[in-house]
Amino acid sequence: MKLAGIDGSYKLLDIPPEELTGRFAELEALDGFNATIPHKVGIIPYCGRLDDSAERFGSVNCVKNGSGKVGYNTDVFGFTRSIDMLGASLASRVLVIGCGGVGRMIAAEAAYSGGRVTVAVLSDFLADAEKTVEGIKSRMPAADIKTAGIKGAVLCADDFGGSVPEFDLLINASPVGMFPKTDAVPCSEDIIRSAGSVFDVIYNPNDTLLTRTARELGKPAMTGMAMLVLQAAAAQEIWNGASFAGDDLKTLIADMENMI
């Protein structure tokens, strides 16, 4: 808000799911609000309509009040703008490691953007990943997306039959490497070497072993703080019509990284 010159306030309301109906008037009185876990699905019935970003993934994290009461998913905007800032493209050969909540969104957005997507997950979660792929193809039959099972602790050449494919963009959408287990990496070095760029959704620490290794190999790499800041900037655009210069956002991202 300060960066956009907005005289406003942003505060936390702790509302248990069972109290949402009785306390929704508190949210309705605001210009807009964010919704986080466990409300991202439960808030949908309270929206007048959903933006495509929320409709596509059945998840809302930002609501603009007023006559429309529109629900958005700004995680999508934060992610796609981060990839743009990285200088990469989703309309390319994309490897997504992990298929939880954020991984499903990332895999779907890459497929919808025209990417040739491989979703790699631990073998125990392969069935869930395949359901995600089926869901994406049901919405977009032409989607080029497939799964790969990780048989060991990390994704490696053996999981691709001994030969590592070339990828334009490698995305870690798993918690591997997150504080406090910062010495972990989701894939072997030869997988990183095969990628053109690397994006890690983790933002604590602000420089993961994955991104450090990628840079040592000469690959552009970025962690998830950019996604966090850019989705917040998107919310301000939605609520207040704010506009931000790219260099200002980069400075804000760096400031946030220094706070961790």
Protein backbone atom coordinates (compact mmCIF):
# COMPACT_ATOMS: atom_id res chain seq x y z
CA MET A 1 0.00 0.00 0.00
CA LYS A 2 2.81 2.39 0.85
CA LEU A 3 4.53 1.70 -2.48
CA ALA A 4 1.28 2.43 -4.33
CA GLY A 5 0.59 5.58 -2.33
CA ILE A 6 -2.56 4.10 -0.80
CA ASP A 7 -3.77 5.32 2.60
CA GLY A 8 -5.21 2.08 3.88
CA SER A 9 -4.82 -0.72 6.38
CA TYR A 10 -4.39 -4.47 6.15
CA LYS A 11 -5.03 -6.67 9.16
CA LEU A 12 -5.41 -10.30 10.12
CA LEU A 13 -8.80 -11.73 11.04
CA ASP A 14 -8.64 -15.17 12.60
CA ILE A 15 -11.96 -16.77 11.64
CA PRO A 16 -12.47 -20.53 12.22
CA PRO A 17 -14.41 -22.24 9.41
CA GLU A 18 -17.41 -22.88 11.64
CA GLU A 19 -17.68 -19.14 12.37
CA LEU A 20 -17.43 -17.91 8.77
CA THR A 21 -21.18 -17.55 8.19
CA GLY A 22 -21.75 -15.61 11.39
CA ARG A 23 -18.76 -13.33 10.86
CA PHE A 24 -18.92 -12.80 7.11
CA ALA A 25 -20.35 -9.31 7.68
CA GLU A 26 -16.88 -8.32 8.99
CA LEU A 27 -15.39 -9.26 5.64
CA GLU A 28 -18.22 -7.73 3.61
CA ALA A 29 -17.57 -4.36 5.25
CA LEU A 30 -14.05 -4.24 3.74
CA ASP A 31 -13.07 -3.08 0.25
CA GLY A 32 -11.63 -6.54 -0.23
CA PHE A 33 -9.88 -9.35 1.58
CA ASN A 34 -7.58 -12.32 1.20
CA ALA A 35 -8.57 -15.84 2.22
CA THR A 36 -6.02 -18.45 3.13
CA ILE A 37 -6.13 -22.06 4.31
CA PRO A 38 -8.65 -23.42 5.31
CA HIS A 39 -10.97 -20.93 3.57
CA LYS A 40 -9.81 -21.05 -0.06
CA VAL A 41 -12.68 -23.36 -1.06
CA GLY A 42 -15.17 -22.53 1.70
CA ILE A 43 -15.28 -18.86 0.69
CA ILE A 44 -16.50 -19.63 -2.85
CA PRO A 45 -20.26 -19.76 -2.04
CA TYR A 46 -19.98 -16.22 -0.64
CA CYS A 47 -18.67 -14.85 -3.96
CA GLY A 48 -21.05 -13.37 -6.51
CA ARG A 49 -18.90 -14.73 -9.32
CA LEU A 50 -15.43 -16.13 -9.90
CA ASP A 51 -12.70 -14.72 -12.10
CA ASP A 52 -11.20 -17.23 -14.55
CA SER A 53 -8.14 -17.51 -12.28
CA ALA A 54 -10.35 -18.90 -9.49
CA GLU A 55 -12.83 -20.80 -11.65
CA ARG A 56 -10.07 -22.79 -13.31
CA PHE A 57 -8.66 -24.12 -10.05
CA GLY A 58 -11.70 -24.07 -7.77
CA SER A 59 -9.79 -21.98 -5.24
CA VAL A 60 -10.17 -18.36 -4.08
CA ASN A 61 -7.61 -16.38 -2.10
CA CYS A 62 -8.67 -12.82 -2.94
CA VAL A 63 -12.13 -11.22 -2.98
CA LYS A 64 -13.08 -7.74 -4.20
CA ASN A 65 -16.23 -6.57 -2.46
CA GLY A 66 -18.85 -4.34 -3.98
CA SER A 67 -21.72 -5.11 -6.32
CA GLY A 68 -19.93 -8.02 -7.95
CA LYS A 69 -18.11 -9.61 -4.99
CA VAL A 70 -15.61 -11.28 -7.33
CA GLY A 71 -13.32 -14.10 -6.22
CA TYR A 72 -9.80 -14.37 -7.66
CA ASN A 73 -6.80 -16.64 -7.29
CA THR A 74 -3.83 -14.28 -7.19
CA ASP A 75 -1.43 -17.20 -6.65
CA VAL A 76 -1.82 -17.74 -10.40
CA PHE A 77 -0.80 -14.14 -11.15
CA GLY A 78 2.10 -14.32 -8.70
CA PHE A 79 3.37 -17.49 -10.33
CA THR A 80 3.06 -16.45 -13.97
CA ARG A 81 4.59 -13.03 -13.31
CA SER A 82 7.49 -14.69 -11.47
CA ILE A 83 8.20 -16.84 -14.50
CA ASP A 84 8.15 -13.71 -16.68
CA MET A 85 10.55 -11.99 -14.27
CA LEU A 86 12.82 -15.04 -14.43
CA GLY A 87 12.93 -14.63 -18.21
CA ALA A 88 11.46 -18.08 -18.82
CA SER A 89 8.33 -19.26 -20.62
CA LEU A 90 5.60 -21.71 -19.66
CA ALA A 91 5.04 -22.39 -23.36
CA SER A 92 8.07 -24.68 -23.36
CA ARG A 93 9.34 -27.99 -22.00
CA VAL A 94 8.43 -27.77 -18.30
CA LEU A 95 9.33 -30.13 -15.46
CA VAL A 96 7.22 -29.73 -12.31
CA ILE A 97 8.40 -31.59 -9.20
CA GLY A 98 5.54 -32.06 -6.74
CA CYS A 99 1.77 -32.06 -7.21
CA GLY A 100 0.24 -30.72 -4.00
CA GLY A 101 -1.99 -27.63 -3.97
CA VAL A 102 0.52 -25.24 -5.53
CA GLY A 103 1.94 -27.98 -7.76
CA ARG A 104 -1.48 -28.70 -9.26
CA MET A 105 -1.97 -25.02 -10.04
CA ILE A 106 1.50 -24.73 -11.59
CA ALA A 107 1.12 -27.89 -13.69
CA ALA A 108 -2.28 -26.78 -14.95
CA GLU A 109 -1.15 -23.23 -15.75
CA ALA A 110 1.87 -24.54 -17.65
CA ALA A 111 -0.35 -26.90 -19.65
CA TYR A 112 -2.93 -24.19 -20.35
CA SER A 113 -0.08 -21.93 -21.53
CA GLY A 114 0.90 -24.46 -24.17
CA GLY A 115 3.77 -26.11 -22.31
CA ARG A 116 4.92 -29.69 -22.71
CA VAL A 117 4.65 -30.61 -19.06
CA THR A 118 6.10 -33.47 -17.03
CA VAL A 119 4.87 -33.77 -13.44
CA ALA A 120 7.28 -35.78 -11.26
CA VAL A 121 6.17 -37.08 -7.87
CA LEU A 122 7.20 -39.75 -5.41
CA SER A 123 5.82 -43.11 -6.52
CA ASP A 124 3.45 -43.20 -3.52
CA PHE A 125 1.70 -40.09 -4.89
CA LEU A 126 1.72 -41.05 -8.56
CA ALA A 127 -1.97 -42.00 -8.59
CA ASP A 128 -2.93 -38.56 -7.26
CA ALA A 129 -0.76 -36.86 -9.88
CA GLU A 130 -2.38 -38.90 -12.62
CA LYS A 131 -5.82 -37.75 -11.40
CA THR A 132 -4.59 -34.16 -11.67
CA VAL A 133 -3.43 -34.80 -15.23
CA GLU A 134 -6.79 -36.38 -16.09
CA GLY A 135 -8.58 -33.33 -14.68
CA ILE A 136 -6.45 -30.97 -16.76
CA LYS A 137 -7.06 -32.99 -19.91
CA SER A 138 -10.80 -33.06 -19.23
CA ARG A 139 -10.77 -29.24 -19.40
CA MET A 140 -8.19 -29.07 -22.18
CA PRO A 141 -8.04 -32.31 -24.21
CA ALA A 142 -5.07 -31.05 -26.24
CA ALA A 143 -2.92 -30.49 -23.13
CA ASP A 144 0.56 -32.02 -23.45
CA ILE A 145 1.09 -33.27 -19.91
CA LYS A 146 2.31 -36.52 -18.38
CA THR A 147 3.62 -37.92 -15.09
CA ALA A 148 6.88 -39.47 -13.93
CA GLY A 149 7.39 -41.46 -10.74
CA ILE A 150 10.31 -40.76 -8.41
CA LYS A 151 11.46 -44.15 -7.16
CA GLY A 152 14.20 -42.99 -4.77
CA ALA A 153 14.71 -39.99 -2.52
CA VAL A 154 15.24 -37.52 -5.39
CA LEU A 155 14.36 -37.32 -9.08
CA CYS A 156 17.23 -38.67 -11.16
CA ALA A 157 18.11 -40.13 -14.56
CA ASP A 158 16.88 -43.59 -13.55
CA ASP A 159 13.35 -42.20 -13.27
CA PHE A 160 13.54 -41.33 -16.99
CA GLY A 161 14.92 -44.70 -18.05
CA GLY A 162 18.55 -43.69 -17.54
CA SER A 163 18.59 -40.70 -19.90
CA VAL A 164 17.69 -37.20 -18.68
CA PRO A 165 15.39 -35.25 -21.04
CA GLU A 166 16.11 -31.62 -21.81
CA PHE A 167 13.82 -29.14 -20.07
CA ASP A 168 13.50 -25.39 -20.66
CA LEU A 169 12.12 -24.78 -17.17
CA LEU A 170 12.44 -26.78 -13.95
CA ILE A 171 9.98 -25.93 -11.16
CA ASN A 172 10.18 -27.29 -7.64
CA ALA A 173 6.63 -27.26 -6.26
CA SER A 174 7.47 -29.62 -3.40
CA PRO A 175 8.56 -28.72 0.17
CA VAL A 176 11.98 -30.32 -0.36
CA GLY A 177 14.64 -27.81 0.69
CA MET A 178 12.37 -25.77 2.97
CA PHE A 179 13.57 -24.58 6.38
CA PRO A 180 14.71 -26.31 8.55
CA LYS A 181 15.77 -29.09 6.13
CA THR A 182 17.74 -26.73 3.93
CA ASP A 183 20.37 -29.28 2.87
CA ALA A 184 17.86 -31.21 0.77
CA VAL A 185 17.33 -30.95 -2.97
CA PRO A 186 14.43 -32.47 -4.99
CA CYS A 187 16.49 -33.71 -7.93
CA SER A 188 19.97 -34.76 -8.92
CA GLU A 189 22.51 -32.38 -10.43
CA ASP A 190 22.17 -33.85 -13.91
CA ILE A 191 18.46 -32.97 -13.87
CA ILE A 192 19.33 -29.37 -12.94
CA ARG A 193 22.00 -29.31 -15.66
CA SER A 194 19.38 -30.35 -18.23
CA ALA A 195 17.17 -27.33 -17.46
CA GLY A 196 17.33 -23.87 -19.00
CA SER A 197 15.95 -22.05 -15.94
CA VAL A 198 14.94 -23.01 -12.39
CA PHE A 199 12.08 -21.75 -10.23
CA ASP A 200 11.68 -22.92 -6.63
CA VAL A 201 8.39 -22.09 -4.88
CA ILE A 202 10.14 -22.19 -1.49
CA TYR A 203 10.87 -18.76 0.02
CA ASN A 204 12.38 -19.82 3.34
CA PRO A 205 15.33 -19.95 2.93
CA ASN A 206 15.43 -17.26 0.25
CA ASP A 207 18.22 -19.12 -1.57
CA THR A 208 17.73 -22.88 -1.61
CA LEU A 209 20.27 -25.56 -2.38
CA LEU A 210 18.40 -26.08 -5.67
CA THR A 211 18.72 -22.44 -6.76
CA ARG A 212 22.34 -22.18 -5.58
CA THR A 213 23.26 -25.29 -7.54
CA ALA A 214 21.45 -23.97 -10.61
CA ARG A 215 23.34 -20.67 -10.51
CA GLU A 216 26.65 -22.49 -10.06
CA LEU A 217 25.79 -24.33 -13.27
CA GLY A 218 25.07 -21.04 -15.02
CA LYS A 219 21.27 -21.32 -14.92
CA PRO A 220 18.93 -18.40 -14.12
CA ALA A 221 17.18 -19.28 -10.85
CA MET A 222 14.56 -17.72 -8.59
CA THR A 223 12.89 -18.67 -5.31
CA GLY A 224 9.28 -18.24 -4.19
CA MET A 225 9.51 -14.84 -2.52
CA ALA A 226 8.85 -13.24 -5.89
CA MET A 227 5.64 -15.26 -6.22
CA LEU A 228 4.56 -14.20 -2.73
CA VAL A 229 5.18 -10.49 -3.35
CA LEU A 230 3.71 -10.49 -6.87
CA GLN A 231 0.46 -12.14 -5.76
CA ALA A 232 0.15 -9.44 -3.09
CA ALA A 233 0.77 -6.76 -5.74
CA ALA A 234 -1.96 -8.36 -7.87
CA ALA A 235 -4.38 -8.10 -4.94
CA GLN A 236 -3.68 -4.36 -4.67
CA GLU A 237 -4.34 -4.01 -8.38
CA ILE A 238 -7.68 -5.77 -7.92
CA TRP A 239 -8.79 -3.89 -4.80
CA ASN A 240 -7.39 -0.44 -5.45
CA GLY A 241 -6.38 -0.21 -9.12
CA ALA A 242 -2.74 0.10 -8.02
CA SER A 243 0.09 0.09 -10.55
CA PHE A 244 3.68 -0.91 -9.81
CA ALA A 245 6.94 -0.38 -11.68
CA GLY A 246 8.92 -3.55 -12.29
CA ASP A 247 12.06 -2.19 -10.63
CA ASP A 248 10.07 -1.24 -7.51
CA LEU A 249 8.71 -4.76 -7.24
CA LYS A 250 12.20 -6.23 -7.62
CA THR A 251 13.39 -3.97 -4.78
CA LEU A 252 10.45 -5.03 -2.62
CA ILE A 253 11.19 -8.70 -3.30
CA ALA A 254 14.84 -8.19 -2.31
CA ASP A 255 13.77 -6.37 0.86
CA MET A 256 11.49 -9.24 1.81
CA GLU A 257 14.23 -11.79 1.15
CA ASN A 258 16.56 -9.86 3.47
CA MET A 259 13.98 -10.11 6.26
CA ILE A 260 14.22 -13.91 6.36
